Protein backbone atom coordinates (compact mmCIF):
# COMPACT_ATOMS: atom_id res chain seq x y z
CA MET A 1 10.87 44.56 48.87
CA LYS A 2 11.67 47.33 46.33
CA HIS A 3 15.62 46.39 46.56
CA LYS A 4 14.62 42.71 46.32
CA LEU A 5 12.72 43.17 43.08
CA VAL A 6 15.45 45.08 41.95
CA ARG A 7 18.02 42.41 42.69
CA LYS A 8 15.83 39.75 40.95
CA THR A 9 15.13 41.83 37.98
CA VAL A 10 18.73 42.32 37.15
CA ARG A 11 19.49 38.86 38.17
CA ASP A 12 17.42 37.53 35.69
CA PHE A 13 18.29 39.47 33.24
CA SER A 14 22.14 39.17 33.54
CA GLU A 15 21.81 35.38 33.74
CA ALA A 16 19.45 34.88 30.67
CA GLU A 17 21.47 37.29 28.47
CA LEU A 18 25.17 37.77 29.87
CA GLY A 19 25.50 34.36 31.09
CA PRO A 20 25.86 32.59 27.84
CA ILE A 21 27.91 35.14 26.35
CA ALA A 22 30.18 36.31 29.40
CA HIS A 23 33.28 33.43 28.33
CA GLU A 24 33.10 34.24 25.03
CA ILE A 25 33.31 38.11 24.89
CA ASP A 26 36.03 37.89 27.65
CA ARG A 27 38.02 35.80 25.36
CA ASP A 28 37.58 37.43 22.08
CA ALA A 29 37.47 41.08 23.88
CA ARG A 30 34.17 41.93 22.13
CA PHE A 31 31.51 44.19 23.09
CA PRO A 32 28.27 42.67 23.15
CA TRP A 33 26.47 45.04 21.31
CA GLN A 34 23.20 42.86 20.75
CA VAL A 35 22.76 42.69 25.01
CA ILE A 36 23.68 46.17 24.86
CA GLU A 37 20.47 47.05 22.61
CA LYS A 38 18.25 45.16 25.43
CA MET A 39 19.75 46.86 28.15
CA ARG A 40 18.83 50.48 26.64
CA VAL A 41 15.14 49.50 26.93
CA LEU A 42 15.46 48.44 29.94
CA ASN A 43 17.07 52.07 31.09
CA TYR A 44 20.16 50.77 32.62
CA PHE A 45 22.26 53.58 30.96
CA GLY A 46 19.84 55.99 32.80
CA LEU A 47 19.69 54.56 36.13
CA GLN A 48 20.04 57.68 38.07
CA ILE A 49 19.32 60.60 35.29
CA PRO A 50 16.32 62.40 36.32
CA ARG A 51 13.18 61.12 34.34
CA LYS A 52 12.44 64.17 33.01
CA TYR A 53 15.75 63.52 30.74
CA GLY A 54 14.42 60.00 30.27
CA GLY A 55 16.10 58.31 33.03
CA ALA A 56 14.95 55.94 35.89
CA GLU A 57 16.08 58.13 38.66
CA VAL A 58 16.82 55.29 41.09
CA ASP A 59 18.01 55.33 44.53
CA SER A 60 21.54 54.54 45.02
CA ILE A 61 21.28 51.40 46.38
CA SER A 62 19.20 50.38 43.93
CA TYR A 63 21.77 51.46 41.61
CA ALA A 64 24.66 49.80 43.42
CA ILE A 65 22.73 46.47 43.12
CA THR A 66 22.23 46.93 39.49
CA ILE A 67 26.02 46.95 39.15
CA GLU A 68 26.48 44.62 41.49
CA GLU A 69 24.26 41.75 39.69
CA LEU A 70 25.44 42.63 36.20
CA SER A 71 29.37 42.43 37.38
CA LYS A 72 28.19 39.00 39.06
CA VAL A 73 27.70 37.74 35.91
CA CYS A 74 30.12 40.30 33.27
CA ALA A 75 32.18 42.38 34.89
CA SER A 76 32.96 44.08 31.81
CA ILE A 77 29.40 45.10 31.52
CA GLY A 78 29.19 46.08 34.95
CA LEU A 79 31.99 48.41 34.13
CA CYS A 80 30.43 50.17 31.03
CA VAL A 81 27.10 50.82 32.62
CA THR A 82 28.72 52.36 36.15
CA VAL A 83 31.32 54.46 34.56
CA HIS A 84 28.51 55.78 31.72
CA ASN A 85 26.34 56.92 34.43
CA SER A 86 28.38 57.87 37.63
CA VAL A 87 31.32 59.71 35.85
CA GLY A 88 29.80 60.20 32.64
CA ALA A 89 26.18 61.52 33.38
CA GLN A 90 26.57 62.22 36.88
CA PRO A 91 28.71 65.07 36.32
CA ILE A 92 26.66 66.82 33.71
CA LYS A 93 23.68 66.35 35.72
CA SER A 94 25.39 67.89 39.03
CA PHE A 95 27.09 70.68 37.14
CA GLY A 96 25.65 71.23 33.44
CA THR A 97 23.44 74.26 32.79
CA GLU A 98 19.90 73.45 32.19
CA LYS A 99 20.55 73.69 28.09
CA GLN A 100 23.35 71.20 28.68
CA LYS A 101 21.11 68.53 30.43
CA GLU A 102 18.30 69.03 27.97
CA CYS A 103 20.56 68.48 25.26
CA PHE A 104 23.25 65.67 26.70
CA LEU A 105 21.08 63.86 29.30
CA PRO A 106 18.09 62.36 27.11
CA PRO A 107 20.67 60.26 24.44
CA MET A 108 22.84 59.14 27.62
CA ALA A 109 19.47 57.84 29.47
CA SER A 110 18.43 55.79 25.99
CA GLY A 111 22.05 54.35 25.83
CA GLU A 112 22.25 56.47 22.62
CA ARG A 113 25.36 57.78 23.23
CA ILE A 114 27.76 56.07 25.97
CA GLY A 115 29.86 58.18 28.13
CA ALA A 116 33.81 57.78 29.25
CA PHE A 117 35.44 59.95 31.99
CA CYS A 118 38.87 61.18 30.58
CA LEU A 119 40.99 62.05 33.23
CA THR A 120 44.34 59.61 32.77
CA GLU A 121 46.97 60.57 30.73
CA ALA A 122 50.69 59.11 30.52
CA ASN A 123 52.00 61.64 33.10
CA ALA A 124 48.59 62.01 35.05
CA GLY A 125 46.75 59.42 37.03
CA SER A 126 46.54 59.66 40.69
CA ASP A 127 47.80 63.08 40.22
CA ALA A 128 44.52 65.34 38.93
CA SER A 129 46.38 68.32 38.68
CA GLY A 130 49.07 66.91 36.30
CA VAL A 131 46.91 66.83 33.44
CA GLU A 132 48.94 68.19 30.03
CA THR A 133 45.95 68.03 27.63
CA ASN A 134 45.32 71.77 26.63
CA ALA A 135 42.46 73.86 25.58
CA VAL A 136 42.81 77.21 23.99
CA GLU A 137 39.98 79.69 23.61
CA VAL A 138 39.07 80.94 20.25
CA GLU A 139 36.55 83.23 18.73
CA ASP A 140 33.74 80.39 18.78
CA GLY A 141 35.05 77.81 21.01
CA TYR A 142 37.84 76.35 22.11
CA ILE A 143 40.64 74.21 20.62
CA ILE A 144 41.86 70.80 22.45
CA ASN A 145 45.10 69.06 21.97
CA GLY A 146 46.04 65.95 23.98
CA THR A 147 45.79 62.13 24.84
CA LYS A 148 43.99 60.23 27.09
CA ILE A 149 44.86 56.93 27.99
CA PHE A 150 43.22 53.69 29.59
CA VAL A 151 39.72 55.39 29.34
CA THR A 152 36.76 52.74 29.66
CA ASN A 153 34.25 52.93 27.13
CA GLY A 154 36.75 54.71 24.87
CA GLY A 155 36.11 52.55 22.16
CA ILE A 156 32.40 53.12 21.87
CA CYS A 157 31.68 56.50 23.51
CA GLY A 158 29.56 58.85 21.92
CA TYR A 159 30.63 61.59 24.54
CA ALA A 160 33.85 62.12 26.47
CA LEU A 161 34.27 64.22 29.08
CA ILE A 162 37.71 65.74 28.69
CA PHE A 163 39.71 67.54 31.31
CA ALA A 164 42.24 70.04 30.14
CA THR A 165 44.38 72.90 31.45
CA MET A 166 43.98 76.37 30.58
CA THR A 167 45.79 79.43 31.44
CA THR A 168 44.45 82.95 32.37
CA GLY A 169 45.83 86.12 30.79
CA ALA A 170 48.15 86.27 34.03
CA GLY A 171 49.68 82.87 33.00
CA LYS A 172 48.08 80.98 35.87
CA PRO A 173 47.03 77.30 34.82
CA PHE A 174 43.59 76.02 35.78
CA THR A 175 41.53 72.94 34.47
CA ASN A 176 38.04 72.79 32.45
CA VAL A 177 36.10 69.73 31.49
CA PHE A 178 34.73 69.50 28.22
CA ILE A 179 31.76 67.60 26.73
CA VAL A 180 33.22 66.18 23.56
CA GLU A 181 31.55 64.67 21.09
CA LYS A 182 32.61 61.56 18.88
CA GLU A 183 31.93 63.24 15.66
CA MET A 184 33.94 66.21 16.13
CA ALA A 185 36.62 67.08 14.06
CA GLY A 186 40.03 66.12 15.59
CA PHE A 187 38.65 63.63 17.92
CA SER A 188 39.83 59.78 17.30
CA VAL A 189 39.76 56.72 18.84
CA GLY A 190 43.01 54.28 19.46
CA GLU A 191 43.56 50.57 19.41
CA ILE A 192 41.27 48.59 22.04
CA GLU A 193 43.51 47.62 24.74
CA ASP A 194 44.45 44.05 25.25
CA LEU A 195 43.93 44.11 28.93
CA CYS A 196 44.35 41.20 31.49
CA GLY A 197 41.05 41.52 32.57
CA MET A 198 37.42 43.44 31.76
CA ARG A 199 38.40 42.36 28.09
CA ALA A 200 34.63 42.74 27.08
CA ASN A 201 34.84 46.68 27.68
CA PRO A 202 36.46 48.42 25.16
CA VAL A 203 39.25 50.35 26.89
CA SER A 204 41.21 52.75 24.44
CA SER A 205 43.20 55.91 24.22
CA LEU A 206 41.24 59.13 22.93
CA PHE A 207 42.92 61.74 20.71
CA LEU A 208 42.60 65.24 20.45
CA GLU A 209 44.21 67.10 17.66
CA ASP A 210 43.10 70.75 17.29
CA CYS A 211 39.49 69.50 18.31
CA LYS A 212 36.99 72.21 18.18
CA VAL A 213 34.34 72.58 20.87
CA PRO A 214 31.84 75.00 20.99
CA PHE A 215 31.54 77.34 23.82
CA ASP A 216 28.57 75.42 24.94
CA ASN A 217 30.48 71.91 25.62
CA CYS A 218 32.13 73.43 28.82
CA LEU A 219 30.89 72.09 31.78
CA GLY A 220 30.75 74.13 34.99
CA GLN A 221 32.41 77.41 35.77
CA PRO A 222 35.77 78.20 34.45
CA GLY A 223 38.50 76.45 36.62
CA SER A 224 35.76 73.85 38.26
CA GLY A 225 37.60 71.08 36.65
CA ILE A 226 39.09 69.38 39.50
CA LYS A 227 35.96 70.09 41.98
CA ILE A 228 33.89 67.99 39.03
CA ALA A 229 36.43 65.33 38.88
CA LEU A 230 36.72 64.68 42.61
CA THR A 231 33.10 64.76 43.02
CA ALA A 232 32.26 62.43 40.20
CA LEU A 233 34.96 60.00 41.60
CA ASP A 234 32.68 60.04 44.68
CA SER A 235 29.73 58.50 42.77
CA GLY A 236 32.26 56.58 40.78
CA ARG A 237 33.64 54.79 43.94
CA ILE A 238 30.41 53.76 44.64
CA GLY A 239 29.86 51.91 41.33
CA ILE A 240 33.47 50.14 41.38
CA ALA A 241 32.87 48.81 44.88
CA ALA A 242 29.41 47.50 43.63
CA GLN A 243 30.96 46.22 40.69
CA ALA A 244 34.05 44.53 42.82
CA LEU A 245 31.16 43.22 45.78
CA GLY A 246 29.50 41.37 42.30
CA ILE A 247 32.78 39.72 41.49
CA ALA A 248 33.05 38.51 45.11
CA GLN A 249 29.85 37.17 45.10
CA GLY A 250 30.34 35.48 41.92
CA ALA A 251 33.40 34.00 42.56
CA PHE A 252 31.95 33.17 46.01
CA GLU A 253 28.94 31.35 44.50
CA ALA A 254 31.33 29.31 41.96
CA ALA A 255 33.62 28.31 45.10
CA ILE A 256 30.05 26.77 46.85
CA LYS A 257 28.83 24.96 44.10
CA TYR A 258 32.34 23.28 42.90
CA SER A 259 33.20 22.55 46.68
CA LYS A 260 29.78 20.37 46.81
CA GLU A 261 30.59 18.80 43.76
CA ARG A 262 34.15 17.95 44.09
CA GLN A 263 35.03 14.63 45.49
CA GLN A 264 38.20 14.01 47.21
CA PHE A 265 39.02 10.81 49.78
CA LYS A 266 35.37 9.94 48.87
CA LYS A 267 33.74 13.12 50.17
CA PRO A 268 32.95 16.46 49.09
CA ILE A 269 35.82 19.05 49.70
CA SER A 270 32.98 21.19 51.56
CA SER A 271 32.93 18.97 54.12
CA PHE A 272 36.67 19.86 55.19
CA GLN A 273 37.44 22.38 57.69
CA THR A 274 39.67 24.26 55.75
CA ILE A 275 37.58 24.92 52.68
CA GLN A 276 34.74 25.46 55.38
CA ASN A 277 36.80 28.20 56.63
CA TYR A 278 37.60 29.68 53.36
CA LEU A 279 33.54 30.01 52.63
CA ALA A 280 32.96 31.40 56.01
CA ASP A 281 35.47 34.26 55.69
CA MET A 282 34.28 34.96 52.07
CA ALA A 283 30.85 35.11 53.35
CA THR A 284 31.54 37.61 56.20
CA GLU A 285 33.83 39.94 54.03
CA ILE A 286 31.43 40.22 51.29
CA ASP A 287 28.65 40.84 53.72
CA ALA A 288 30.73 43.49 55.42
CA GLY A 289 31.48 44.73 52.02
CA ARG A 290 27.92 45.33 51.03
CA LEU A 291 27.35 47.24 54.20
CA LEU A 292 29.96 49.42 53.54
CA LEU A 293 28.48 50.25 50.23
CA TYR A 294 24.98 50.49 51.12
CA ARG A 295 25.87 53.21 53.86
CA ALA A 296 27.80 55.43 51.11
CA CYS A 297 24.73 54.94 49.11
CA ALA A 298 22.34 55.81 51.99
CA LEU A 299 24.41 59.03 52.95
CA LYS A 300 24.61 60.03 48.92
CA ASP A 301 20.59 59.80 48.85
CA GLU A 302 20.22 61.98 52.04
CA ASN A 303 22.46 64.80 50.29
CA LYS A 304 24.89 64.12 53.09
CA PRO A 305 28.81 64.22 52.74
CA PHE A 306 29.64 60.59 51.49
CA GLY A 307 33.10 60.98 50.08
CA THR A 308 35.14 59.10 53.12
CA GLU A 309 32.42 56.49 53.25
CA ALA A 310 32.38 55.70 49.46
CA ALA A 311 36.28 55.52 49.51
CA MET A 312 35.75 53.25 52.72
CA ALA A 313 33.67 51.22 50.20
CA LYS A 314 35.69 50.92 47.56
CA LEU A 315 38.79 50.21 49.24
CA TYR A 316 37.31 47.42 51.08
CA CYS A 317 35.34 45.78 48.15
CA SER A 318 37.82 45.79 45.95
CA SER A 319 40.39 44.27 48.60
CA VAL A 320 37.53 41.52 49.30
CA ALA A 321 36.94 40.90 45.56
CA ASN A 322 40.72 40.26 45.24
CA ARG A 323 40.97 37.64 48.29
CA THR A 324 37.37 36.07 47.41
CA THR A 325 38.74 35.43 43.88
CA ASN A 326 41.75 34.22 44.87
CA LEU A 327 40.29 31.72 47.59
CA ALA A 328 37.73 30.57 45.05
CA MET A 329 40.59 29.73 42.64
CA GLN A 330 42.36 27.86 45.62
CA ILE A 331 39.18 25.85 46.05
CA HIS A 332 38.99 24.76 42.41
CA GLY A 333 42.45 24.00 42.23
CA GLY A 334 43.71 23.16 38.97
CA TYR A 335 40.63 23.61 37.56
CA GLY A 336 40.41 27.22 38.53
CA TYR A 337 43.47 28.15 36.76
CA SER A 338 41.96 26.75 33.42
CA LYS A 339 39.99 28.96 31.27
CA GLU A 340 36.82 26.57 31.07
CA TYR A 341 35.98 27.67 34.93
CA ASP A 342 34.64 31.09 35.39
CA VAL A 343 36.80 31.89 38.52
CA GLU A 344 39.79 32.22 36.37
CA ARG A 345 37.81 35.08 34.99
CA TYR A 346 36.90 36.70 38.19
CA PHE A 347 40.43 36.25 39.41
CA ARG A 348 41.72 38.48 36.33
CA ASP A 349 38.51 40.80 36.25
CA ALA A 350 38.95 41.22 40.06
CA LYS A 351 42.70 43.41 40.26
CA VAL A 352 41.80 46.34 38.81
CA THR A 353 39.31 47.28 40.89
CA GLU A 354 42.06 48.30 43.08
CA ILE A 355 43.46 50.50 40.56
CA TYR A 356 40.54 52.41 38.72
CA GLU A 357 38.34 55.24 40.32
CA GLY A 358 41.46 56.07 42.22
CA THR A 359 43.70 53.09 43.44
CA SER A 360 43.72 51.84 47.10
CA GLU A 361 46.64 54.00 48.14
CA VAL A 362 44.57 57.10 47.33
CA GLN A 363 41.65 55.48 49.04
CA ARG A 364 43.48 55.31 52.18
CA LEU A 365 45.01 59.03 51.27
CA VAL A 366 41.31 60.01 51.58
CA ILE A 367 39.93 58.21 54.26
CA SER A 368 43.12 59.06 56.75
CA ARG A 369 42.88 62.75 55.70
CA ALA A 370 39.28 62.74 57.11
CA VAL A 371 40.20 60.89 60.32
CA LEU A 372 42.93 63.14 60.91
CA SER A 373 40.73 66.34 60.29
CA GLN A 374 38.02 64.80 62.78
CA HIS A 375 40.84 64.40 65.59
CA THR A 376 42.59 67.94 65.41
């Protein structure tokens, strides 16, 4: 009952507030601040942040449902919310000191500060150890230099989690994570990327030029950067799986509606067996993806290992999103190729779910390692 209420509440909000503008903000690559202000009041930016820091502290299935329902209407905003919550706030919640939590989590829970996760660089993507952004310890903090690319929420972030390499006295490199605040000298935002999909999310590069960061903004123990990254990505994959599922569900529902309305040979195309087969496959795969996703969520809430299950959910749901949007476009025929129909946007938005938060190839690597380790 609780989860049904969450779904209805988010669905009603999404359809009322995002539905009328989803096409426009995609076309114009515009971030809808007017809707974001309404979402702040509803605690969408504090979904899994503890109540003591101003968050909603919902369970992971409620979180996944929220991302799914937002993404079903506007995947760009679903992306903003999941990245902020899962790989923005979650690392601070899991690895931060009490002082850091008290400082950074309340503004994130309220949406006053939107979070960004900054790992990817020109020469570092799937290989997290290839980060070239460099931090040097000085008398009163750290000086950071480097460039991060394809940063989700980059253009509007208040806090950016920056992964940077340092070296020990013996010259051995290690990775740290720094909470960089947008006002800090030496921190700047590049131009918003002109992307194929997710166009209403301000994805950008971030530049750090002798950016001064105090000691209190170093997250976790020295050298724990890779551990923080991998832990955050486990949670992030739940969010992207939910986003992919929302895209798939939106395309599926659009395909059903169109197939009942579109007449050919004097009857609706939904009466043709080929179309029925498409819809049956779409429905089955979406349900299977949802079950994989909810299993990962349940394990997470039980404080059990869930990394492999999250990888499975992300791998499968992103694949389902791409297959479903492709079939939905096929059902629409020539109209599906027109920007006047939502399936064209769903089709473009779906592809990137196979790329970010770990490519599908990386998910298979994670899964295969787990499988092989269980059968030694």
